[in-house]
């Protein structure tokens, strides 16, 4: 015969009240899988075609530099492709987050980017900083994003 723990139900009630009070004061965070899917949509559907289109002239210079074995021209073409990618990604992220509160991938999953402290729209400076950090995280193969799969 199993005897019910009378204190357990009281603890569950207190935990439930605590969760309700916290959820009313903080906005709901997006699911990590939805965030990852939004990033994949942003990269593959929006940014990749846009960067490939904008860097096509530099790619032509890159191929000709390889053919004639000009190291300086090769290096300058690689740096221009990197710069084009940086400007495209950062401006896309910054402008969409500042004006619309989300990128296209986030809009599909009905997510909004809000300021942590006042739960309002983010400022242009914070959108720019967020975009720069997102670019360099993505450039390092999304290693900082791996933490979303941890339990702690």
N, C-alpha and C. Protein backbone atom coordinates (compact mmCIF):
# COMPACT_ATOMS: atom_id res chain seq x y z
N UNK A 1 0.83 -1.17 0.00
CA UNK A 1 0.00 0.00 0.00
C UNK A 1 0.89 1.25 0.00
N UNK A 2 0.56 2.21 -0.86
CA UNK A 2 1.33 3.44 -0.97
C UNK A 2 0.54 4.57 -0.33
N UNK A 3 1.20 5.33 0.54
CA UNK A 3 0.56 6.44 1.21
C UNK A 3 0.94 7.72 0.48
N UNK A 4 -0.05 8.56 0.17
CA UNK A 4 0.22 9.83 -0.51
C UNK A 4 0.98 10.77 0.40
N UNK A 5 1.89 11.47 -0.20
CA UNK A 5 2.65 12.48 0.54
C UNK A 5 1.85 13.77 0.54
N UNK A 6 1.35 14.17 1.69
CA UNK A 6 0.49 15.36 1.77
C UNK A 6 1.28 16.65 1.55
N UNK A 7 2.56 16.62 1.85
CA UNK A 7 3.38 17.82 1.67
C UNK A 7 3.75 18.04 0.21
N UNK A 8 3.78 16.98 -0.54
CA UNK A 8 4.15 17.07 -1.95
C UNK A 8 3.15 17.93 -2.72
N UNK A 9 1.88 17.78 -2.48
CA UNK A 9 0.88 18.58 -3.19
C UNK A 9 1.00 20.06 -2.81
N UNK A 10 1.38 20.33 -1.56
CA UNK A 10 1.57 21.72 -1.13
C UNK A 10 2.79 22.34 -1.83
N UNK A 11 3.85 21.58 -2.00
CA UNK A 11 5.04 22.06 -2.70
C UNK A 11 4.71 22.32 -4.17
N UNK A 12 3.94 21.44 -4.78
CA UNK A 12 3.55 21.63 -6.18
C UNK A 12 2.71 22.89 -6.36
N UNK A 13 1.82 23.18 -5.39
CA UNK A 13 1.01 24.40 -5.47
C UNK A 13 1.88 25.64 -5.39
N UNK A 14 2.87 25.62 -4.48
CA UNK A 14 3.77 26.77 -4.35
C UNK A 14 4.61 26.95 -5.61
N UNK A 15 5.10 25.86 -6.18
CA UNK A 15 5.88 25.94 -7.42
C UNK A 15 5.03 26.47 -8.57
N UNK A 16 3.80 26.04 -8.65
CA UNK A 16 2.90 26.50 -9.70
C UNK A 16 2.62 27.99 -9.57
N UNK A 17 2.40 28.48 -8.34
CA UNK A 17 2.19 29.91 -8.13
C UNK A 17 3.44 30.72 -8.47
N UNK A 18 4.60 30.19 -8.15
CA UNK A 18 5.86 30.86 -8.47
C UNK A 18 6.06 30.95 -9.98
N UNK A 19 5.77 29.86 -10.68
CA UNK A 19 5.90 29.87 -12.14
C UNK A 19 4.94 30.86 -12.78
N UNK A 20 3.73 30.94 -12.28
CA UNK A 20 2.75 31.89 -12.82
C UNK A 20 3.18 33.33 -12.59
N UNK A 21 3.73 33.63 -11.43
CA UNK A 21 4.17 35.00 -11.16
C UNK A 21 5.37 35.37 -12.02
N UNK A 22 6.28 34.43 -12.23
CA UNK A 22 7.44 34.71 -13.08
C UNK A 22 7.04 34.87 -14.54
N UNK A 23 6.11 34.04 -15.01
CA UNK A 23 5.71 34.12 -16.42
C UNK A 23 4.95 35.40 -16.72
N UNK A 24 4.30 35.99 -15.75
CA UNK A 24 3.58 37.23 -16.00
C UNK A 24 4.52 38.42 -16.07
N UNK A 25 5.70 38.35 -15.38
CA UNK A 25 6.61 39.49 -15.38
C UNK A 25 7.65 39.40 -16.49
N UNK A 26 7.93 38.22 -17.01
CA UNK A 26 8.90 38.05 -18.07
C UNK A 26 8.22 37.60 -19.36
N UNK A 27 8.71 38.08 -20.51
CA UNK A 27 8.13 37.57 -21.76
C UNK A 27 8.55 36.12 -21.97
N UNK A 28 7.73 35.39 -22.69
CA UNK A 28 8.01 33.99 -22.95
C UNK A 28 9.18 33.89 -23.93
N UNK A 29 10.16 33.06 -23.62
CA UNK A 29 11.31 32.86 -24.50
C UNK A 29 10.96 31.87 -25.60
N UNK A 30 11.59 32.04 -26.72
CA UNK A 30 11.33 31.17 -27.86
C UNK A 30 11.96 29.80 -27.64
N UNK A 31 11.34 28.79 -28.21
CA UNK A 31 11.85 27.44 -28.15
C UNK A 31 13.19 27.36 -28.90
N UNK A 32 14.19 26.67 -28.36
CA UNK A 32 15.49 26.60 -29.04
C UNK A 32 15.43 26.01 -30.45
N UNK A 33 14.57 25.05 -30.66
CA UNK A 33 14.45 24.45 -31.99
C UNK A 33 13.86 25.47 -32.97
N UNK A 34 12.90 26.27 -32.53
CA UNK A 34 12.34 27.31 -33.38
C UNK A 34 13.40 28.37 -33.72
N UNK A 35 14.23 28.70 -32.74
CA UNK A 35 15.30 29.67 -32.99
C UNK A 35 16.30 29.13 -34.00
N UNK A 36 16.65 27.85 -33.87
CA UNK A 36 17.57 27.23 -34.81
C UNK A 36 16.96 27.17 -36.21
N UNK A 37 15.69 26.82 -36.29
CA UNK A 37 15.01 26.77 -37.59
C UNK A 37 14.93 28.15 -38.23
N UNK A 38 14.69 29.18 -37.42
CA UNK A 38 14.66 30.55 -37.95
C UNK A 38 16.03 30.96 -38.48
N UNK A 39 17.09 30.57 -37.77
CA UNK A 39 18.45 30.88 -38.24
C UNK A 39 18.76 30.15 -39.53
N UNK A 40 18.32 28.90 -39.65
CA UNK A 40 18.55 28.14 -40.88
C UNK A 40 17.80 28.78 -42.04
N UNK A 41 16.58 29.24 -41.81
CA UNK A 41 15.82 29.91 -42.87
C UNK A 41 16.51 31.22 -43.26
N UNK A 42 16.95 31.99 -42.26
CA UNK A 42 17.64 33.25 -42.57
C UNK A 42 18.89 33.01 -43.40
N UNK A 43 19.65 31.99 -43.04
CA UNK A 43 20.90 31.74 -43.74
C UNK A 43 20.65 31.17 -45.13
N UNK A 44 19.84 30.12 -45.22
CA UNK A 44 19.72 29.42 -46.49
C UNK A 44 18.78 30.09 -47.49
N UNK A 45 17.71 30.69 -47.01
CA UNK A 45 16.71 31.26 -47.93
C UNK A 45 17.01 32.72 -48.27
N UNK A 46 17.49 33.48 -47.30
CA UNK A 46 17.68 34.91 -47.51
C UNK A 46 19.14 35.27 -47.75
N UNK A 47 19.99 34.94 -46.80
CA UNK A 47 21.36 35.46 -46.84
C UNK A 47 22.25 34.79 -47.88
N UNK A 48 22.17 33.49 -48.02
CA UNK A 48 23.03 32.80 -48.99
C UNK A 48 22.81 33.28 -50.41
N UNK A 49 21.57 33.32 -50.91
CA UNK A 49 21.39 33.85 -52.27
C UNK A 49 21.81 35.32 -52.41
N UNK A 50 21.53 36.11 -51.39
CA UNK A 50 21.87 37.52 -51.43
C UNK A 50 23.39 37.73 -51.46
N UNK A 51 24.11 37.01 -50.62
CA UNK A 51 25.57 37.13 -50.59
C UNK A 51 26.19 36.60 -51.88
N UNK A 52 25.68 35.49 -52.39
CA UNK A 52 26.21 34.96 -53.65
C UNK A 52 25.99 35.94 -54.80
N UNK A 53 24.85 36.57 -54.82
CA UNK A 53 24.57 37.55 -55.88
C UNK A 53 25.47 38.77 -55.76
N UNK A 54 25.64 39.26 -54.55
CA UNK A 54 26.43 40.48 -54.37
C UNK A 54 27.94 40.24 -54.50
N UNK A 55 28.39 39.03 -54.25
CA UNK A 55 29.82 38.75 -54.34
C UNK A 55 30.23 38.13 -55.67
N UNK A 56 29.33 38.05 -56.63
CA UNK A 56 29.65 37.46 -57.93
C UNK A 56 30.80 38.19 -58.65
N UNK A 57 30.84 39.53 -58.68
CA UNK A 57 31.98 40.19 -59.33
C UNK A 57 33.31 39.87 -58.64
N UNK A 58 33.31 39.78 -57.32
CA UNK A 58 34.54 39.46 -56.60
C UNK A 58 34.95 38.01 -56.85
N UNK A 59 33.97 37.13 -57.04
CA UNK A 59 34.28 35.73 -57.35
C UNK A 59 34.93 35.62 -58.72
N UNK A 60 34.50 36.44 -59.65
CA UNK A 60 35.11 36.45 -60.98
C UNK A 60 36.58 36.88 -60.89
N UNK A 61 36.86 37.88 -60.08
CA UNK A 61 38.24 38.34 -59.86
C UNK A 61 39.04 37.24 -59.16
N UNK A 62 38.41 36.54 -58.23
CA UNK A 62 39.06 35.46 -57.50
C UNK A 62 39.50 34.35 -58.44
N UNK A 63 38.62 33.96 -59.35
CA UNK A 63 38.95 32.90 -60.31
C UNK A 63 40.07 33.33 -61.23
N UNK A 64 40.03 34.57 -61.71
CA UNK A 64 41.11 35.04 -62.59
C UNK A 64 42.43 35.14 -61.83
N UNK A 65 42.39 35.48 -60.54
CA UNK A 65 43.62 35.54 -59.74
C UNK A 65 44.22 34.15 -59.55
N UNK A 66 43.38 33.14 -59.42
CA UNK A 66 43.88 31.77 -59.31
C UNK A 66 44.52 31.33 -60.62
N UNK A 67 43.87 31.69 -61.73
CA UNK A 67 44.39 31.28 -63.04
C UNK A 67 45.74 31.91 -63.36
N UNK A 68 45.92 33.17 -63.03
CA UNK A 68 47.18 33.85 -63.32
C UNK A 68 48.15 33.78 -62.14
N UNK A 69 47.76 33.14 -61.06
CA UNK A 69 48.56 32.94 -59.86
C UNK A 69 49.06 34.26 -59.26
N UNK A 70 48.15 35.20 -59.15
CA UNK A 70 48.45 36.48 -58.53
C UNK A 70 47.96 36.43 -57.08
N UNK A 71 48.91 36.33 -56.13
CA UNK A 71 48.55 36.17 -54.72
C UNK A 71 47.91 37.42 -54.14
N UNK A 72 48.39 38.59 -54.54
CA UNK A 72 47.80 39.82 -54.02
C UNK A 72 46.36 39.98 -54.49
N UNK A 73 46.11 39.72 -55.76
CA UNK A 73 44.75 39.82 -56.31
C UNK A 73 43.83 38.78 -55.65
N UNK A 74 44.38 37.59 -55.41
CA UNK A 74 43.62 36.54 -54.73
C UNK A 74 43.23 36.98 -53.33
N UNK A 75 44.20 37.50 -52.58
CA UNK A 75 43.94 37.95 -51.21
C UNK A 75 42.93 39.10 -51.19
N UNK A 76 43.06 40.04 -52.11
CA UNK A 76 42.12 41.16 -52.14
C UNK A 76 40.71 40.70 -52.52
N UNK A 77 40.61 39.71 -53.40
CA UNK A 77 39.28 39.17 -53.75
C UNK A 77 38.64 38.45 -52.57
N UNK A 78 39.45 37.68 -51.85
CA UNK A 78 38.92 36.97 -50.67
C UNK A 78 38.47 37.98 -49.61
N UNK A 79 39.27 39.01 -49.39
CA UNK A 79 38.89 40.03 -48.39
C UNK A 79 37.65 40.81 -48.82
N UNK A 80 37.51 41.06 -50.11
CA UNK A 80 36.32 41.78 -50.57
C UNK A 80 35.07 40.91 -50.42
N UNK A 81 35.19 39.60 -50.66
CA UNK A 81 34.05 38.70 -50.44
C UNK A 81 33.68 38.66 -48.96
N UNK A 82 34.69 38.62 -48.09
CA UNK A 82 34.42 38.65 -46.66
C UNK A 82 33.73 39.95 -46.26
N UNK A 83 34.21 41.07 -46.77
CA UNK A 83 33.62 42.37 -46.45
C UNK A 83 32.19 42.48 -46.97
N UNK A 84 31.96 42.00 -48.19
CA UNK A 84 30.60 42.01 -48.77
C UNK A 84 29.66 41.16 -47.91
N UNK A 85 30.14 40.00 -47.47
CA UNK A 85 29.34 39.13 -46.63
C UNK A 85 29.03 39.79 -45.29
N UNK A 86 30.05 40.40 -44.69
CA UNK A 86 29.87 41.09 -43.41
C UNK A 86 28.84 42.20 -43.52
N UNK A 87 28.97 43.05 -44.52
CA UNK A 87 28.05 44.18 -44.68
C UNK A 87 26.63 43.68 -44.98
N UNK A 88 26.49 42.67 -45.82
CA UNK A 88 25.18 42.16 -46.17
C UNK A 88 24.47 41.54 -44.96
N UNK A 89 25.17 40.68 -44.25
CA UNK A 89 24.56 39.99 -43.10
C UNK A 89 24.22 40.97 -41.99
N UNK A 90 25.16 41.85 -41.66
CA UNK A 90 24.93 42.78 -40.56
C UNK A 90 23.83 43.78 -40.90
N UNK A 91 23.81 44.27 -42.12
CA UNK A 91 22.75 45.22 -42.48
C UNK A 91 21.38 44.54 -42.53
N UNK A 92 21.31 43.31 -43.05
CA UNK A 92 20.04 42.57 -43.06
C UNK A 92 19.53 42.37 -41.64
N UNK A 93 20.39 41.83 -40.77
CA UNK A 93 19.98 41.57 -39.40
C UNK A 93 19.60 42.87 -38.68
N UNK A 94 20.44 43.89 -38.80
CA UNK A 94 20.20 45.14 -38.07
C UNK A 94 18.91 45.81 -38.51
N UNK A 95 18.73 45.95 -39.81
CA UNK A 95 17.56 46.68 -40.31
C UNK A 95 16.26 45.93 -40.03
N UNK A 96 16.27 44.61 -40.23
CA UNK A 96 15.04 43.86 -39.97
C UNK A 96 14.70 43.84 -38.48
N UNK A 97 15.71 43.68 -37.63
CA UNK A 97 15.43 43.64 -36.20
C UNK A 97 15.00 45.02 -35.71
N UNK A 98 15.62 46.07 -36.22
CA UNK A 98 15.26 47.41 -35.75
C UNK A 98 13.87 47.84 -36.24
N UNK A 99 13.58 47.65 -37.54
CA UNK A 99 12.31 48.13 -38.08
C UNK A 99 11.14 47.18 -37.84
N UNK A 100 11.37 45.87 -37.93
CA UNK A 100 10.27 44.91 -37.84
C UNK A 100 10.27 44.11 -36.53
N UNK A 101 11.37 44.16 -35.79
CA UNK A 101 11.45 43.40 -34.55
C UNK A 101 11.81 41.94 -34.76
N UNK A 102 12.06 41.53 -35.99
CA UNK A 102 12.40 40.14 -36.29
C UNK A 102 12.93 40.05 -37.71
N UNK A 103 13.72 39.01 -37.96
CA UNK A 103 14.14 38.72 -39.33
C UNK A 103 13.04 37.89 -40.00
N UNK A 104 13.21 37.58 -41.27
CA UNK A 104 12.18 36.80 -41.96
C UNK A 104 12.00 35.42 -41.35
N UNK A 105 13.09 34.78 -40.95
CA UNK A 105 12.99 33.47 -40.30
C UNK A 105 12.24 33.55 -38.98
N UNK A 106 12.50 34.58 -38.23
CA UNK A 106 11.79 34.77 -36.96
C UNK A 106 10.32 35.10 -37.19
N UNK A 107 10.03 35.86 -38.24
CA UNK A 107 8.64 36.19 -38.55
C UNK A 107 7.84 34.94 -38.88
N UNK A 108 8.46 34.00 -39.59
CA UNK A 108 7.77 32.76 -39.94
C UNK A 108 7.37 31.99 -38.68
N UNK A 109 8.24 31.99 -37.68
CA UNK A 109 7.96 31.28 -36.43
C UNK A 109 7.33 32.17 -35.37
N UNK A 110 6.89 33.35 -35.76
CA UNK A 110 6.19 34.30 -34.89
C UNK A 110 7.00 34.65 -33.64
N UNK A 111 8.27 34.96 -33.86
CA UNK A 111 9.14 35.39 -32.76
C UNK A 111 9.41 36.88 -32.90
N UNK A 112 9.64 37.53 -31.79
CA UNK A 112 9.97 38.96 -31.77
C UNK A 112 11.23 39.14 -30.95
N UNK A 113 12.05 40.10 -31.35
CA UNK A 113 13.23 40.47 -30.58
C UNK A 113 12.87 41.69 -29.75
N UNK A 114 13.02 41.55 -28.42
CA UNK A 114 12.67 42.64 -27.52
C UNK A 114 13.84 42.90 -26.58
N UNK A 115 13.87 44.10 -26.06
CA UNK A 115 14.90 44.47 -25.09
C UNK A 115 14.67 43.69 -23.80
N UNK A 116 15.74 43.24 -23.19
CA UNK A 116 15.64 42.43 -21.98
C UNK A 116 15.11 43.25 -20.81
N UNK A 117 15.49 44.51 -20.72
CA UNK A 117 15.20 45.30 -19.54
C UNK A 117 13.81 45.93 -19.54
N UNK A 118 13.37 46.44 -20.69
CA UNK A 118 12.07 47.12 -20.68
C UNK A 118 11.03 46.43 -21.56
N UNK A 119 11.36 45.31 -22.17
CA UNK A 119 10.44 44.52 -23.00
C UNK A 119 9.86 45.32 -24.17
N UNK A 120 10.60 46.33 -24.62
CA UNK A 120 10.19 47.15 -25.75
C UNK A 120 11.04 46.80 -26.97
N UNK A 121 10.82 47.53 -28.04
CA UNK A 121 11.61 47.37 -29.25
C UNK A 121 13.08 47.68 -28.98
N UNK A 122 14.00 46.96 -29.63
CA UNK A 122 15.42 47.19 -29.40
C UNK A 122 15.86 48.48 -30.09
N UNK A 123 16.89 49.10 -29.55
CA UNK A 123 17.44 50.31 -30.16
C UNK A 123 18.30 49.92 -31.35
N UNK A 124 18.64 50.92 -32.17
CA UNK A 124 19.46 50.65 -33.35
C UNK A 124 20.85 50.15 -32.93
N UNK A 125 21.41 50.74 -31.89
CA UNK A 125 22.74 50.32 -31.43
C UNK A 125 22.74 48.88 -30.94
N UNK A 126 21.72 48.49 -30.20
CA UNK A 126 21.67 47.11 -29.71
C UNK A 126 21.37 46.14 -30.85
N UNK A 127 20.59 46.55 -31.84
CA UNK A 127 20.36 45.70 -33.01
C UNK A 127 21.65 45.52 -33.80
N UNK A 128 22.44 46.58 -33.92
CA UNK A 128 23.72 46.50 -34.63
C UNK A 128 24.69 45.59 -33.88
N UNK A 129 24.79 45.75 -32.57
CA UNK A 129 25.68 44.90 -31.78
C UNK A 129 25.25 43.45 -31.84
N UNK A 130 23.95 43.22 -31.76
CA UNK A 130 23.42 41.87 -31.86
C UNK A 130 23.74 41.25 -33.21
N UNK A 131 23.65 42.03 -34.28
CA UNK A 131 23.93 41.54 -35.62
C UNK A 131 25.41 41.22 -35.80
N UNK A 132 26.28 42.06 -35.26
CA UNK A 132 27.72 41.79 -35.35
C UNK A 132 28.08 40.50 -34.60
N UNK A 133 27.52 40.34 -33.41
CA UNK A 133 27.78 39.12 -32.66
C UNK A 133 27.22 37.90 -33.37
N UNK A 134 26.05 38.01 -33.96
CA UNK A 134 25.44 36.91 -34.69
C UNK A 134 26.31 36.53 -35.88
N UNK A 135 26.87 37.53 -36.58
CA UNK A 135 27.71 37.25 -37.74
C UNK A 135 28.96 36.47 -37.32
N UNK A 136 29.63 36.91 -36.27
CA UNK A 136 30.87 36.24 -35.89
C UNK A 136 30.60 34.88 -35.26
N UNK A 137 29.47 34.71 -34.58
CA UNK A 137 29.10 33.38 -34.10
C UNK A 137 28.86 32.43 -35.27
N UNK A 138 28.19 32.92 -36.28
CA UNK A 138 27.91 32.10 -37.46
C UNK A 138 29.19 31.82 -38.23
N UNK A 139 30.10 32.78 -38.28
CA UNK A 139 31.36 32.58 -38.97
C UNK A 139 32.20 31.50 -38.28
N UNK A 140 32.02 31.32 -36.98
CA UNK A 140 32.72 30.27 -36.25
C UNK A 140 31.86 29.01 -36.14
N UNK A 141 31.14 28.70 -37.21
CA UNK A 141 30.37 27.46 -37.36
C UNK A 141 29.33 27.27 -36.26
N UNK A 142 28.79 28.37 -35.78
CA UNK A 142 27.72 28.36 -34.78
C UNK A 142 28.10 27.61 -33.50
N UNK A 143 29.36 27.59 -33.16
CA UNK A 143 29.78 26.91 -31.93
C UNK A 143 29.11 27.49 -30.69
N UNK A 144 28.92 28.81 -30.57
CA UNK A 144 28.21 29.30 -29.37
C UNK A 144 26.75 28.86 -29.32
N UNK A 145 26.15 28.51 -30.47
CA UNK A 145 24.75 28.08 -30.48
C UNK A 145 24.56 26.66 -29.98
N UNK A 146 25.64 25.91 -29.84
CA UNK A 146 25.52 24.52 -29.37
C UNK A 146 24.98 24.47 -27.96
N UNK A 147 25.16 25.52 -27.20
CA UNK A 147 24.70 25.52 -25.80
C UNK A 147 23.19 25.46 -25.68
N UNK A 148 22.45 25.73 -26.75
CA UNK A 148 20.98 25.65 -26.64
C UNK A 148 20.51 24.23 -26.46
N UNK A 149 21.37 23.24 -26.72
CA UNK A 149 20.96 21.86 -26.57
C UNK A 149 21.32 21.29 -25.20
N UNK A 150 21.85 22.14 -24.31
CA UNK A 150 22.18 21.66 -22.97
C UNK A 150 20.98 21.83 -22.04
N UNK A 151 20.95 21.07 -20.99
CA UNK A 151 19.84 21.11 -20.05
C UNK A 151 20.04 22.14 -18.94
N UNK A 152 21.25 22.57 -18.71
CA UNK A 152 21.49 23.47 -17.60
C UNK A 152 21.59 24.91 -18.03
